[in-house]
N, C-alpha and C. Protein backbone atom coordinates (compact mmCIF):
# COMPACT_ATOMS: atom_id res chain seq x y z
N MET A 1 0.59 -1.29 -0.10
CA MET A 1 0.08 -0.07 0.24
C MET A 1 0.95 1.01 -0.17
N GLU A 2 0.51 2.21 -0.83
CA GLU A 2 1.45 3.36 -0.87
C GLU A 2 1.21 4.40 0.08
N PHE A 3 1.77 5.32 0.55
CA PHE A 3 2.12 6.18 1.51
C PHE A 3 0.21 7.19 1.20
N GLY A 4 0.15 7.40 -0.28
CA GLY A 4 -0.87 8.45 -0.17
C GLY A 4 -2.33 7.81 0.04
N THR A 5 -2.33 6.45 -0.18
CA THR A 5 -3.80 5.69 0.07
C THR A 5 -3.90 5.84 1.41
N PHE A 6 -2.83 5.65 2.33
CA PHE A 6 -2.71 5.60 3.83
C PHE A 6 -3.25 7.01 4.15
N VAL A 7 -2.80 7.83 3.89
CA VAL A 7 -3.17 9.32 4.11
C VAL A 7 -4.60 9.43 3.86
N SER A 8 -5.02 9.13 2.69
CA SER A 8 -6.63 9.06 2.28
C SER A 8 -7.43 8.30 2.91
N ALA A 9 -6.55 7.25 3.51
CA ALA A 9 -7.56 6.51 4.65
C ALA A 9 -7.84 6.91 5.77
N LEU A 10 -6.64 7.86 6.11
CA LEU A 10 -6.63 8.79 7.39
C LEU A 10 -7.94 9.85 7.47
N LEU A 11 -8.02 10.40 6.47
CA LEU A 11 -8.91 11.60 6.12
C LEU A 11 -10.47 11.29 6.30
N ASN A 12 -10.67 10.20 5.10
CA ASN A 12 -11.96 9.39 4.85
C ASN A 12 -12.56 8.48 5.29
N GLY A 13 -11.57 7.49 5.58
CA GLY A 13 -11.92 6.13 6.23
C GLY A 13 -12.52 5.94 7.32
N THR A 14 -13.18 4.89 7.66
CA THR A 14 -13.55 4.08 8.81
C THR A 14 -12.20 3.86 9.84
N PRO A 15 -12.35 3.58 11.27
CA PRO A 15 -11.41 3.42 11.68
C PRO A 15 -10.91 1.86 11.33
N ILE A 16 -11.80 0.94 10.97
CA ILE A 16 -11.02 -0.19 10.45
C ILE A 16 -10.43 -0.23 9.05
N ALA A 17 -10.82 0.81 8.27
CA ALA A 17 -9.92 1.30 6.94
C ALA A 17 -8.69 1.88 7.55
N VAL A 18 -8.45 2.49 8.37
CA VAL A 18 -7.26 3.11 9.01
C VAL A 18 -6.53 2.19 9.66
N LEU A 19 -6.98 1.43 10.14
CA LEU A 19 -6.32 0.07 10.90
C LEU A 19 -5.55 -0.70 9.77
N ALA A 20 -6.46 -0.84 8.90
CA ALA A 20 -5.89 -2.02 7.52
C ALA A 20 -5.01 -0.92 7.05
N ALA A 21 -5.33 0.46 6.67
CA ALA A 21 -3.93 0.99 5.95
C ALA A 21 -3.00 1.02 6.56
N ALA A 22 -3.26 1.00 8.12
CA ALA A 22 -1.66 1.22 8.81
C ALA A 22 -0.91 -0.27 8.61
N VAL A 23 -1.83 -1.07 9.01
CA VAL A 23 -0.91 -2.34 8.81
C VAL A 23 -0.26 -2.31 7.41
N GLY A 24 -1.01 -2.24 6.36
CA GLY A 24 -0.46 -2.26 5.17
C GLY A 24 0.55 -1.47 4.98
N VAL A 25 0.86 -0.41 5.40
CA VAL A 25 2.06 0.46 5.52
C VAL A 25 3.25 -0.25 6.08
N ILE A 26 2.74 -0.54 7.56
CA ILE A 26 3.94 -1.16 8.29
C ILE A 26 4.27 -2.39 7.44
N TRP A 27 3.67 -3.17 7.02
CA TRP A 27 3.91 -4.64 6.39
C TRP A 27 4.84 -4.11 5.10
N GLN A 28 4.43 -3.15 4.24
CA GLN A 28 5.25 -2.91 3.27
C GLN A 28 6.59 -2.31 3.41
N THR A 29 6.61 -1.26 4.71
CA THR A 29 8.10 -0.77 5.20
C THR A 29 8.68 -1.78 5.57
N PHE A 30 7.99 -3.03 6.56
CA PHE A 30 9.09 -4.25 6.77
C PHE A 30 9.67 -4.90 5.76
N TYR A 31 8.70 -4.88 5.09
CA TYR A 31 9.03 -5.86 3.49
C TYR A 31 9.91 -5.29 2.75
N THR A 32 9.65 -3.86 2.47
CA THR A 32 11.09 -3.16 1.74
C THR A 32 12.47 -3.19 2.75
N TYR A 33 12.35 -3.08 3.85
CA TYR A 33 13.62 -3.29 4.80
C TYR A 33 14.21 -4.63 4.43
N SER A 34 13.22 -5.71 4.86
CA SER A 34 13.68 -7.07 4.77
C SER A 34 14.36 -7.24 3.28
N ARG A 35 13.67 -6.76 2.46
CA ARG A 35 14.28 -7.24 1.07
C ARG A 35 15.51 -6.29 1.01
N ASP A 36 15.56 -5.15 1.25
CA ASP A 36 16.96 -4.42 1.28
C ASP A 36 18.12 -4.85 1.85
N LYS A 37 17.74 -5.56 3.13
CA LYS A 37 18.86 -6.34 3.81
C LYS A 37 19.00 -7.46 3.49
N LEU A 38 18.27 -8.13 2.67
CA LEU A 38 18.57 -9.45 2.06
C LEU A 38 19.56 -9.14 1.12
N GLU A 39 19.17 -7.90 0.05
CA GLU A 39 20.09 -7.84 -0.92
C GLU A 39 21.42 -7.21 -0.53
N ARG A 40 21.42 -6.44 0.43
CA ARG A 40 22.69 -6.00 1.14
C ARG A 40 23.57 -7.10 1.53
N GLU A 41 22.84 -8.32 2.16
CA GLU A 41 23.67 -9.55 2.89
C GLU A 41 24.14 -10.23 1.66
N GLN A 42 23.21 -10.16 0.56
CA GLN A 42 23.74 -11.26 -0.69
C GLN A 42 24.64 -10.53 -1.39
N THR A 43 24.65 -9.05 -1.41
CA THR A 43 25.86 -8.35 -1.88
C THR A 43 27.29 -8.64 -1.39
N LYS A 44 26.86 -8.40 0.04
CA LYS A 44 28.18 -8.97 1.00
C LYS A 44 28.84 -10.14 0.63
N ARG A 45 27.71 -11.06 0.71
CA ARG A 45 28.26 -12.36 0.66
C ARG A 45 28.85 -12.97 -0.76
N GLN A 46 28.55 -12.18 -1.40
CA GLN A 46 28.92 -12.44 -3.06
C GLN A 46 30.47 -11.72 -3.10
N LEU A 47 30.42 -10.55 -2.57
CA LEU A 47 31.91 -9.60 -2.23
C LEU A 47 32.75 -10.68 -1.71
N GLU A 48 32.09 -11.56 -0.59
CA GLU A 48 33.09 -12.10 0.31
C GLU A 48 33.68 -13.42 -0.54
N LEU A 49 32.70 -14.13 -1.08
CA LEU A 49 32.96 -15.18 -2.24
C LEU A 49 33.96 -14.72 -3.12
N GLU A 50 33.87 -13.54 -3.95
CA GLU A 50 34.64 -13.20 -5.06
C GLU A 50 35.99 -12.98 -4.20
N LYS A 51 36.28 -12.33 -3.34
CA LYS A 51 37.46 -11.89 -2.51
C LYS A 51 38.06 -13.44 -2.16
N GLN A 52 37.32 -14.33 -1.36
CA GLN A 52 37.91 -15.92 -1.17
C GLN A 52 38.47 -16.36 -2.84
N LYS A 53 37.64 -16.41 -3.51
CA LYS A 53 37.90 -16.62 -4.72
C LYS A 53 39.06 -16.36 -5.37
N PHE A 54 39.45 -14.81 -5.08
CA PHE A 54 40.47 -14.19 -5.45
C PHE A 54 41.92 -14.70 -4.91
N GLU A 55 41.50 -14.68 -3.15
CA GLU A 55 42.62 -15.16 -2.52
C GLU A 55 43.25 -16.55 -2.92
N HIS A 56 42.30 -17.69 -2.91
CA HIS A 56 42.31 -18.75 -3.48
C HIS A 56 43.08 -19.07 -4.65
N GLN A 57 42.72 -18.44 -5.60
CA GLN A 57 43.50 -18.15 -7.24
C GLN A 57 45.01 -17.94 -6.87
N LYS A 58 45.15 -16.65 -6.00
CA LYS A 58 46.50 -16.08 -5.84
C LYS A 58 47.34 -17.26 -5.00
N ASP A 59 46.58 -17.94 -4.21
CA ASP A 59 47.39 -19.18 -3.29
C ASP A 59 47.94 -20.01 -4.48
N ILE A 60 46.83 -20.28 -5.42
CA ILE A 60 47.21 -21.63 -6.38
C ILE A 60 48.37 -21.19 -7.14
N GLU A 61 48.42 -19.87 -7.83
CA GLU A 61 49.29 -19.13 -8.84
C GLU A 61 50.58 -19.38 -7.88
N ARG A 62 50.71 -19.11 -6.61
CA ARG A 62 51.77 -19.00 -5.96
C ARG A 62 52.36 -20.17 -5.77
N LEU A 63 51.60 -21.02 -5.38
CA LEU A 63 51.84 -22.61 -5.06
C LEU A 63 52.55 -23.05 -6.38
N LYS A 64 52.01 -22.87 -7.60
CA LYS A 64 52.59 -23.24 -9.09
C LYS A 64 53.82 -22.44 -9.37
N PHE A 65 53.89 -21.20 -9.04
CA PHE A 65 55.23 -20.83 -9.28
C PHE A 65 56.14 -21.11 -8.48
N GLU A 66 56.06 -21.72 -6.86
CA GLU A 66 57.16 -22.09 -6.35
C GLU A 66 57.30 -23.52 -6.72
N TYR A 67 56.64 -24.34 -7.12
CA TYR A 67 56.68 -25.63 -7.54
C TYR A 67 57.48 -25.47 -8.84
N GLU A 68 57.31 -24.75 -9.73
CA GLU A 68 57.75 -24.53 -11.22
C GLU A 68 59.32 -24.11 -10.82
N GLN A 69 59.30 -23.10 -9.75
CA GLN A 69 60.91 -22.70 -9.49
C GLN A 69 61.48 -23.77 -8.71
N ARG A 70 61.16 -24.73 -7.68
CA ARG A 70 61.65 -25.39 -7.18
C ARG A 70 62.24 -26.93 -8.36
N ARG A 71 61.16 -27.04 -9.32
CA ARG A 71 61.51 -28.05 -10.49
C ARG A 71 62.88 -27.65 -11.04
N TRP A 72 62.61 -25.74 -11.54
CA TRP A 72 63.40 -25.44 -12.31
C TRP A 72 64.84 -25.49 -11.71
N ARG A 73 64.99 -25.21 -10.24
CA ARG A 73 66.22 -25.44 -9.36
C ARG A 73 66.72 -26.77 -9.36
N GLU A 74 65.73 -27.96 -9.19
CA GLU A 74 66.07 -29.03 -8.95
C GLU A 74 66.73 -29.66 -10.26
N GLU A 75 66.07 -29.57 -11.54
CA GLU A 75 66.86 -29.66 -12.80
C GLU A 75 68.10 -28.92 -13.12
N LEU A 76 68.39 -27.88 -12.81
CA LEU A 76 69.71 -27.28 -12.99
C LEU A 76 70.60 -27.99 -12.04
N GLY A 77 70.12 -28.11 -10.61
CA GLY A 77 71.21 -28.93 -9.81
C GLY A 77 71.46 -30.17 -10.46
N ARG A 78 70.54 -30.87 -11.00
CA ARG A 78 70.76 -32.22 -11.54
C ARG A 78 71.76 -32.18 -12.77
N GLU A 79 71.77 -31.13 -13.74
CA GLU A 79 72.43 -30.93 -14.91
C GLU A 79 73.82 -30.49 -14.30
N ILE A 80 73.82 -29.58 -13.34
CA ILE A 80 75.27 -29.36 -12.65
C ILE A 80 75.80 -30.47 -12.12
N THR A 81 75.25 -31.34 -11.42
CA THR A 81 76.01 -32.18 -10.91
C THR A 81 76.28 -33.42 -11.91
N ILE A 82 75.42 -33.64 -12.95
CA ILE A 82 76.06 -34.66 -14.09
C ILE A 82 77.38 -34.01 -14.83
N LYS A 83 77.24 -32.52 -14.91
CA LYS A 83 78.66 -31.93 -15.72
C LYS A 83 79.49 -31.90 -14.88
N LEU A 84 79.56 -31.88 -13.45
CA LEU A 84 80.55 -31.90 -12.64
C LEU A 84 81.07 -33.11 -12.31
N MET A 85 80.21 -34.25 -12.53
CA MET A 85 80.67 -35.67 -12.23
C MET A 85 81.61 -35.63 -13.61
N GLU A 86 81.37 -35.58 -14.64
CA GLU A 86 81.91 -35.71 -16.05
C GLU A 86 83.37 -35.05 -15.69
N LEU A 87 83.40 -33.75 -15.35
CA LEU A 87 84.64 -33.00 -15.31
C LEU A 87 85.44 -33.74 -14.55
N ARG A 88 84.52 -33.97 -13.11
CA ARG A 88 85.87 -34.87 -12.24
C ARG A 88 86.14 -35.88 -12.86
N ILE A 89 85.70 -36.91 -13.50
CA ILE A 89 86.22 -38.14 -13.69
C ILE A 89 87.13 -38.04 -14.61
N GLY A 90 87.22 -36.81 -15.64
CA GLY A 90 88.22 -36.47 -16.44
C GLY A 90 89.60 -36.13 -15.63
N LYS A 91 89.35 -35.07 -14.96
CA LYS A 91 90.42 -34.66 -13.96
C LYS A 91 90.92 -35.42 -13.52
N TYR A 92 90.50 -36.19 -12.57
CA TYR A 92 90.63 -37.18 -11.38
C TYR A 92 91.84 -38.24 -12.47
N SER A 93 91.21 -38.74 -13.35
CA SER A 93 91.87 -39.52 -14.16
C SER A 93 93.76 -38.71 -14.36
N GLU A 94 93.36 -37.72 -14.54
CA GLU A 94 94.69 -37.21 -14.96
C GLU A 94 95.54 -37.12 -13.58
N ILE A 95 95.02 -36.62 -12.58
CA ILE A 95 95.97 -36.57 -11.23
C ILE A 95 96.03 -38.14 -10.98
N TRP A 96 95.32 -38.95 -11.21
CA TRP A 96 95.68 -40.27 -10.98
C TRP A 96 96.79 -40.78 -11.58
N HIS A 97 96.89 -40.51 -12.87
CA HIS A 97 97.97 -40.86 -13.74
C HIS A 97 99.08 -40.19 -13.24
N LEU A 98 99.33 -38.92 -12.94
CA LEU A 98 100.56 -38.52 -11.97
C LEU A 98 100.87 -39.05 -10.82
N ILE A 99 100.05 -39.51 -10.14
CA ILE A 99 100.46 -40.02 -8.67
C ILE A 99 101.16 -41.48 -9.06
N GLN A 100 100.41 -41.97 -10.05
CA GLN A 100 101.12 -43.56 -10.64
C GLN A 100 102.70 -43.16 -10.43
N LYS A 101 103.26 -42.00 -11.27
CA LYS A 101 104.90 -41.93 -11.12
C LYS A 101 105.35 -42.16 -9.80
N ILE A 102 104.69 -42.13 -8.68
CA ILE A 102 105.37 -42.26 -7.32
C ILE A 102 104.88 -43.23 -6.61
N SER A 103 104.60 -44.15 -7.49
CA SER A 103 103.75 -45.63 -6.86
C SER A 103 104.91 -46.93 -6.49
N PHE A 104 106.34 -46.67 -7.04
CA PHE A 104 107.23 -47.42 -6.78
C PHE A 104 108.47 -46.84 -6.13
N SER A 105 108.74 -47.03 -5.01
CA SER A 105 109.99 -46.49 -4.56
C SER A 105 111.30 -46.38 -5.44
N GLU A 106 111.45 -47.37 -6.08
CA GLU A 106 112.84 -47.46 -6.88
C GLU A 106 112.85 -46.43 -7.95
N LYS A 107 111.37 -46.22 -8.53
CA LYS A 107 111.45 -44.85 -9.46
C LYS A 107 111.26 -43.80 -9.02
N ILE A 108 111.44 -43.62 -7.53
CA ILE A 108 111.05 -41.99 -7.25
C ILE A 108 112.78 -41.39 -6.53
N THR A 109 113.16 -40.66 -7.24
CA THR A 109 114.12 -39.75 -6.76
C THR A 109 113.71 -38.39 -6.14
N SER A 110 114.57 -37.73 -5.78
CA SER A 110 114.43 -36.25 -5.11
C SER A 110 113.99 -35.40 -6.40
N LYS A 111 114.69 -35.68 -7.65
CA LYS A 111 114.53 -34.48 -8.75
C LYS A 111 113.03 -34.96 -9.29
N SER A 112 112.97 -36.44 -9.56
CA SER A 112 111.61 -36.76 -10.03
C SER A 112 110.35 -36.46 -9.12
N ALA A 113 110.41 -36.35 -7.79
CA ALA A 113 109.45 -36.19 -7.05
C ALA A 113 109.33 -34.62 -7.01
N LYS A 114 109.95 -33.87 -7.14
CA LYS A 114 110.01 -32.55 -7.34
C LYS A 114 109.28 -32.20 -8.67
N THR A 115 109.59 -32.94 -9.95
CA THR A 115 108.78 -33.15 -11.24
C THR A 115 107.42 -32.92 -11.02
N VAL A 116 107.31 -34.38 -10.25
CA VAL A 116 105.85 -34.52 -9.96
C VAL A 116 104.66 -33.73 -9.23
N ALA A 117 105.49 -33.05 -8.22
CA ALA A 117 104.95 -31.71 -7.42
C ALA A 117 104.65 -30.60 -8.10
N ASN A 118 105.64 -30.49 -9.32
CA ASN A 118 105.11 -29.14 -10.16
C ASN A 118 103.99 -29.72 -11.16
N SER A 119 103.85 -30.91 -11.27
CA SER A 119 102.89 -31.45 -12.23
C SER A 119 101.40 -31.12 -11.41
N ILE A 120 101.27 -31.33 -10.31
CA ILE A 120 100.46 -31.42 -9.46
C ILE A 120 99.96 -30.13 -9.25
N LYS A 121 100.84 -29.26 -9.19
CA LYS A 121 100.61 -27.74 -9.01
C LYS A 121 100.03 -27.03 -10.40
N ASP A 122 100.47 -27.61 -11.13
CA ASP A 122 99.74 -27.31 -12.70
C ASP A 122 98.31 -27.45 -12.62
N TRP A 123 98.31 -29.02 -12.45
CA TRP A 123 96.87 -29.24 -12.42
C TRP A 123 96.05 -28.64 -11.50
N ARG A 124 96.59 -28.28 -10.32
CA ARG A 124 95.56 -27.36 -9.29
C ARG A 124 95.06 -26.41 -9.86
N TYR A 125 96.24 -25.58 -10.58
CA TYR A 125 95.88 -24.11 -10.74
C TYR A 125 95.25 -23.97 -12.64
N GLU A 126 94.86 -25.30 -13.02
CA GLU A 126 94.30 -25.41 -14.31
C GLU A 126 92.78 -25.53 -13.76
N LEU A 127 92.22 -26.92 -13.80
CA LEU A 127 90.67 -26.81 -13.67
C LEU A 127 90.69 -27.79 -12.10
N GLY A 128 92.03 -28.54 -12.00
CA GLY A 128 91.56 -29.12 -10.91
C GLY A 128 90.94 -28.67 -9.46
N GLU A 129 91.70 -27.52 -8.96
CA GLU A 129 91.03 -26.99 -7.81
C GLU A 129 89.84 -26.18 -7.92
N LEU A 130 89.31 -26.20 -9.11
CA LEU A 130 88.07 -25.56 -9.09
C LEU A 130 86.91 -26.84 -8.74
N ILE A 131 87.28 -27.76 -9.08
CA ILE A 131 86.09 -28.82 -9.10
C ILE A 131 86.45 -30.06 -7.86
N THR A 132 87.18 -29.52 -7.25
CA THR A 132 87.46 -30.56 -5.92
C THR A 132 86.64 -30.22 -4.73
N GLU A 133 86.28 -31.00 -4.01
CA GLU A 133 85.82 -30.66 -2.52
C GLU A 133 86.94 -30.12 -1.70
N GLN A 134 86.71 -29.30 -0.63
CA GLN A 134 87.80 -28.87 -0.05
C GLN A 134 88.79 -30.14 0.62
N VAL A 135 88.08 -30.99 1.28
CA VAL A 135 89.12 -31.95 2.07
C VAL A 135 89.85 -32.61 1.16
N THR A 136 89.47 -32.71 -0.62
CA THR A 136 90.22 -33.18 -1.24
C THR A 136 91.39 -32.40 -1.94
N SER A 137 90.97 -31.00 -1.85
CA SER A 137 92.17 -30.10 -2.38
C SER A 137 93.24 -29.83 -1.21
N ASP A 138 92.68 -30.13 0.11
CA ASP A 138 93.94 -30.13 1.07
C ASP A 138 94.76 -31.43 0.85
N ALA A 139 94.06 -32.63 0.26
CA ALA A 139 95.20 -34.28 0.48
C ALA A 139 95.83 -33.85 -0.53
N ILE A 140 95.32 -33.22 -1.68
CA ILE A 140 96.44 -33.23 -2.88
C ILE A 140 97.49 -31.95 -2.60
N LEU A 141 97.07 -30.84 -2.14
CA LEU A 141 98.18 -29.87 -1.86
C LEU A 141 99.12 -30.59 -0.81
N ALA A 142 98.60 -31.14 0.19
CA ALA A 142 99.62 -31.92 1.06
C ALA A 142 100.62 -32.96 0.44
N LEU A 143 99.68 -33.74 -0.56
CA LEU A 143 101.10 -34.51 -1.41
C LEU A 143 101.82 -33.64 -2.22
N GLN A 144 101.57 -32.56 -2.80
CA GLN A 144 102.60 -31.65 -3.12
C GLN A 144 103.42 -31.18 -2.64
N LYS A 145 103.22 -30.61 -1.48
CA LYS A 145 104.13 -30.20 -0.47
C LYS A 145 104.98 -31.35 -0.07
N GLU A 146 104.51 -32.53 0.21
CA GLU A 146 105.51 -33.60 0.77
C GLU A 146 106.53 -33.94 -0.32
N LEU A 147 105.93 -34.11 -1.61
CA LEU A 147 106.71 -34.33 -2.80
C LEU A 147 107.85 -33.22 -2.95
N TRP A 148 107.46 -31.98 -2.68
CA TRP A 148 108.43 -30.82 -3.05
C TRP A 148 109.33 -30.80 -1.84
N ASP A 149 109.03 -30.98 -0.51
CA ASP A 149 109.46 -30.35 0.67
C ASP A 149 110.53 -31.47 1.34
N ASN A 150 109.25 -32.90 1.41
CA ASN A 150 109.87 -33.80 2.74
C ASN A 150 110.60 -34.81 2.04
N TYR A 151 110.67 -35.21 0.62
CA TYR A 151 110.86 -36.22 0.15
C TYR A 151 112.59 -36.40 0.13
N ASP A 152 113.09 -37.50 0.70
CA ASP A 152 114.55 -37.59 0.58
C ASP A 152 114.90 -38.96 0.04
N GLU A 153 114.18 -39.73 -0.61
CA GLU A 153 114.54 -41.22 -1.21
C GLU A 153 114.80 -42.25 -0.02
N SER A 154 114.17 -41.84 1.27
CA SER A 154 114.67 -42.92 2.31
C SER A 154 113.33 -44.17 2.33
N PRO A 155 113.42 -44.74 2.68
CA PRO A 155 112.15 -45.96 3.05
C PRO A 155 110.83 -45.24 4.02
N GLU A 156 111.33 -44.24 4.78
CA GLU A 156 110.25 -43.69 5.69
C GLU A 156 109.45 -42.69 4.83
N ALA A 157 110.61 -42.12 4.05
CA ALA A 157 109.80 -40.76 2.99
C ALA A 157 108.85 -41.34 1.87
N PHE A 158 109.11 -42.79 1.48
CA PHE A 158 108.55 -43.42 0.35
C PHE A 158 106.93 -43.69 1.30
N LYS A 159 106.98 -44.82 2.63
CA LYS A 159 106.07 -44.94 3.47
C LYS A 159 105.12 -43.83 3.61
N ARG A 160 105.56 -42.55 3.93
CA ARG A 160 104.62 -41.46 4.01
C ARG A 160 104.13 -41.01 2.62
N LEU A 161 104.77 -41.10 1.62
CA LEU A 161 103.79 -40.76 0.28
C LEU A 161 102.99 -42.00 -0.01
N ARG A 162 103.50 -43.02 0.58
CA ARG A 162 102.08 -43.88 0.14
C ARG A 162 100.95 -44.09 1.03
N ASN A 163 101.12 -43.61 2.08
CA ASN A 163 100.06 -43.30 3.27
C ASN A 163 99.12 -42.10 2.51
N LEU A 164 99.71 -41.13 1.93
CA LEU A 164 99.39 -39.88 1.60
C LEU A 164 98.66 -40.22 0.39
N ARG A 165 99.10 -41.00 -0.32
CA ARG A 165 98.63 -41.53 -1.90
C ARG A 165 97.28 -42.04 -1.41
N LEU A 166 97.12 -42.83 -0.56
CA LEU A 166 95.99 -43.80 -0.04
C LEU A 166 95.15 -42.70 0.21
N ILE A 167 95.20 -41.44 0.79
CA ILE A 167 94.41 -40.73 1.44
C ILE A 167 94.00 -39.67 0.46
N VAL A 168 94.65 -39.61 -0.59
CA VAL A 168 94.14 -38.50 -1.97
C VAL A 168 93.27 -39.68 -2.68
N LEU A 169 93.53 -40.91 -2.84
CA LEU A 169 92.69 -41.89 -3.33
C LEU A 169 91.34 -41.69 -2.79
N LYS A 170 91.29 -41.92 -1.58
CA LYS A 170 89.93 -41.76 -1.22
C LYS A 170 89.57 -40.52 -1.22
N ALA A 171 89.59 -39.70 -1.09
CA ALA A 171 89.15 -38.04 -1.29
C ALA A 171 88.51 -38.13 -2.63
N LEU A 172 89.52 -38.51 -3.63
CA LEU A 172 88.72 -38.43 -5.25
C LEU A 172 87.89 -39.47 -5.41
N ARG A 173 87.77 -40.79 -5.14
CA ARG A 173 86.85 -41.53 -5.01
C ARG A 173 85.50 -40.89 -4.58
N THR A 174 85.61 -40.60 -3.00
CA THR A 174 84.55 -39.85 -2.48
C THR A 174 83.78 -38.94 -3.22
N ASP A 175 84.65 -37.64 -4.05
CA ASP A 175 83.98 -36.50 -4.84
C ASP A 175 83.25 -37.18 -5.69
N ILE A 176 83.37 -38.53 -6.45
CA ILE A 176 82.26 -38.98 -7.50
C ILE A 176 81.78 -40.10 -6.75
N GLY A 177 81.48 -40.30 -5.62
CA GLY A 177 80.52 -40.75 -5.16
C GLY A 177 80.67 -42.16 -4.77
N LEU A 178 81.96 -42.79 -4.81
CA LEU A 178 82.35 -43.88 -4.90
C LEU A 178 83.33 -44.55 -3.42
N GLY A 179 82.95 -45.40 -2.56
CA GLY A 179 83.65 -45.97 -1.46
C GLY A 179 84.75 -46.64 -2.28
N GLU A 180 85.07 -47.70 -1.13
CA GLU A 180 86.04 -48.84 -1.28
C GLU A 180 85.68 -49.86 -2.34
N ASN A 181 84.59 -49.76 -2.95
CA ASN A 181 84.23 -50.36 -4.26
C ASN A 181 83.25 -49.11 -5.00
N VAL A 182 82.81 -49.97 -6.39
CA VAL A 182 82.20 -48.91 -7.14
C VAL A 182 80.50 -48.82 -7.01
N SER A 183 80.35 -49.46 -5.82
CA SER A 183 78.77 -49.07 -5.55
C SER A 183 78.79 -47.43 -5.40
N GLY A 184 77.56 -46.78 -5.52
CA GLY A 184 77.12 -45.86 -5.20
C GLY A 184 77.12 -45.57 -3.88
N GLN A 185 77.21 -44.45 -3.09
CA GLN A 185 77.23 -44.36 -1.93
C GLN A 185 75.74 -43.08 -1.61
N THR A 186 75.27 -43.17 -0.47
CA THR A 186 74.29 -42.09 -0.16
C THR A 186 74.96 -40.62 0.42
N ILE A 187 74.44 -39.40 0.54
CA ILE A 187 75.20 -38.27 0.77
C ILE A 187 75.76 -38.43 2.37
N TYR A 188 75.07 -39.42 3.14
CA TYR A 188 75.47 -39.54 4.45
C TYR A 188 77.03 -40.32 4.61
N GLN A 189 76.89 -41.38 3.91
CA GLN A 189 78.15 -41.86 3.83
C GLN A 189 79.32 -41.14 2.98
N ILE A 190 79.10 -40.32 2.10
CA ILE A 190 80.18 -39.39 1.65
C ILE A 190 80.55 -38.45 2.55
N VAL A 191 79.36 -37.95 3.31
CA VAL A 191 80.09 -36.90 4.33
C VAL A 191 80.72 -37.62 5.35
N GLU A 192 80.35 -38.93 5.79
CA GLU A 192 81.25 -39.58 6.61
C GLU A 192 82.49 -40.08 6.29
N ASN A 193 82.71 -40.36 4.71
CA ASN A 193 84.04 -40.51 4.40
C ASN A 193 84.97 -38.94 4.57
N ARG A 194 84.18 -38.10 3.89
CA ARG A 194 85.35 -36.83 3.90
C ARG A 194 85.59 -36.60 5.44
N GLN A 195 84.90 -36.71 6.56
CA GLN A 195 85.18 -36.45 7.73
C GLN A 195 86.16 -37.15 8.25
N ASN A 196 86.32 -38.59 8.15
CA ASN A 196 87.40 -39.46 8.51
C ASN A 196 88.63 -38.86 7.49
N ILE A 197 88.63 -38.93 6.16
CA ILE A 197 89.76 -38.20 5.44
C ILE A 197 90.25 -37.05 6.02
N GLN A 198 89.34 -36.23 6.82
CA GLN A 198 89.61 -35.08 7.44
C GLN A 198 91.02 -35.37 8.81
N ARG A 199 90.29 -36.53 9.05
CA ARG A 199 91.01 -36.71 10.28
C ARG A 199 92.22 -37.54 9.57
N GLU A 200 92.46 -38.50 8.76
CA GLU A 200 93.33 -39.04 8.62
C GLU A 200 94.45 -37.91 8.09
N LEU A 201 94.22 -36.95 7.29
CA LEU A 201 95.20 -36.11 6.88
C LEU A 201 95.65 -35.24 7.89
N ALA A 202 94.94 -34.79 9.04
CA ALA A 202 95.45 -34.32 10.10
C ALA A 202 96.40 -35.01 10.92
N ASP A 203 96.09 -36.37 11.06
CA ASP A 203 96.89 -37.44 11.49
C ASP A 203 98.42 -37.45 10.76
N PHE A 204 98.30 -37.49 9.53
CA PHE A 204 99.35 -37.63 8.67
C PHE A 204 100.38 -36.12 9.00
N GLU A 205 99.77 -35.20 9.15
CA GLU A 205 100.33 -33.96 9.06
C GLU A 205 101.17 -33.63 10.55
N LYS A 206 100.42 -34.29 11.56
CA LYS A 206 100.85 -34.06 13.01
C LYS A 206 102.20 -34.97 12.52
N ASN A 207 101.85 -36.52 12.58
CA ASN A 207 103.04 -37.19 12.47
C ASN A 207 104.11 -36.67 11.88
N ALA A 208 103.98 -36.12 10.39
CA ALA A 208 104.80 -35.59 9.72
C ALA A 208 105.81 -34.52 10.41
N HIS A 209 105.29 -33.91 11.03
CA HIS A 209 105.65 -32.70 12.00
C HIS A 209 106.59 -33.11 13.07
N LYS A 210 106.16 -34.21 13.72
CA LYS A 210 107.06 -35.13 14.77
C LYS A 210 108.18 -35.57 13.96
N HIS A 211 108.18 -35.96 12.81
CA HIS A 211 109.28 -36.60 12.08
C HIS A 211 110.53 -35.63 11.81
N TYR A 212 109.63 -34.34 11.53
CA TYR A 212 110.65 -33.44 11.28
C TYR A 212 111.26 -32.52 11.97
């Protein structure tokens, strides 16, 4: 019922008509308020749903990006590891060939020991030093110093060389993921091997100082 009809009823109508008009106005007002409130609530819920949808989509996109980023890093890391292993196998073959020259005591003179030491230094300052783990680099440097500074053609000197050569061999094998045999090793075994090599190298250097 419109407000004008209600006014007309007040002026011309009977009490019953006035009451009916009042009820109609109240109902119309309540209906309009309820309708508007419902529409506001629906609009609010719709906006909230749109916001949740946007946030959800944003989270999905972020997760997709992070997944792609991790996958890219993993693929890059795998490619780098493969390339590093290829380089190590080639360069470690070279250093082992140099070490072969000091495998037999009757072939090692002080002069030849210094020659091998120089060759090892050249190997280190080409590519070798860049692709070795620190403990391996330390072991190779210790071998170079032993050949240059300490080798005096005595049985004791050869024994020290032999012990140091074995330490270097373990370090080289560990760098390419091998242990005492050709079976692959876990990262935990590799870490343990490197720790053992560090201890052996420290013991060697301590004993060498005692000797001199």
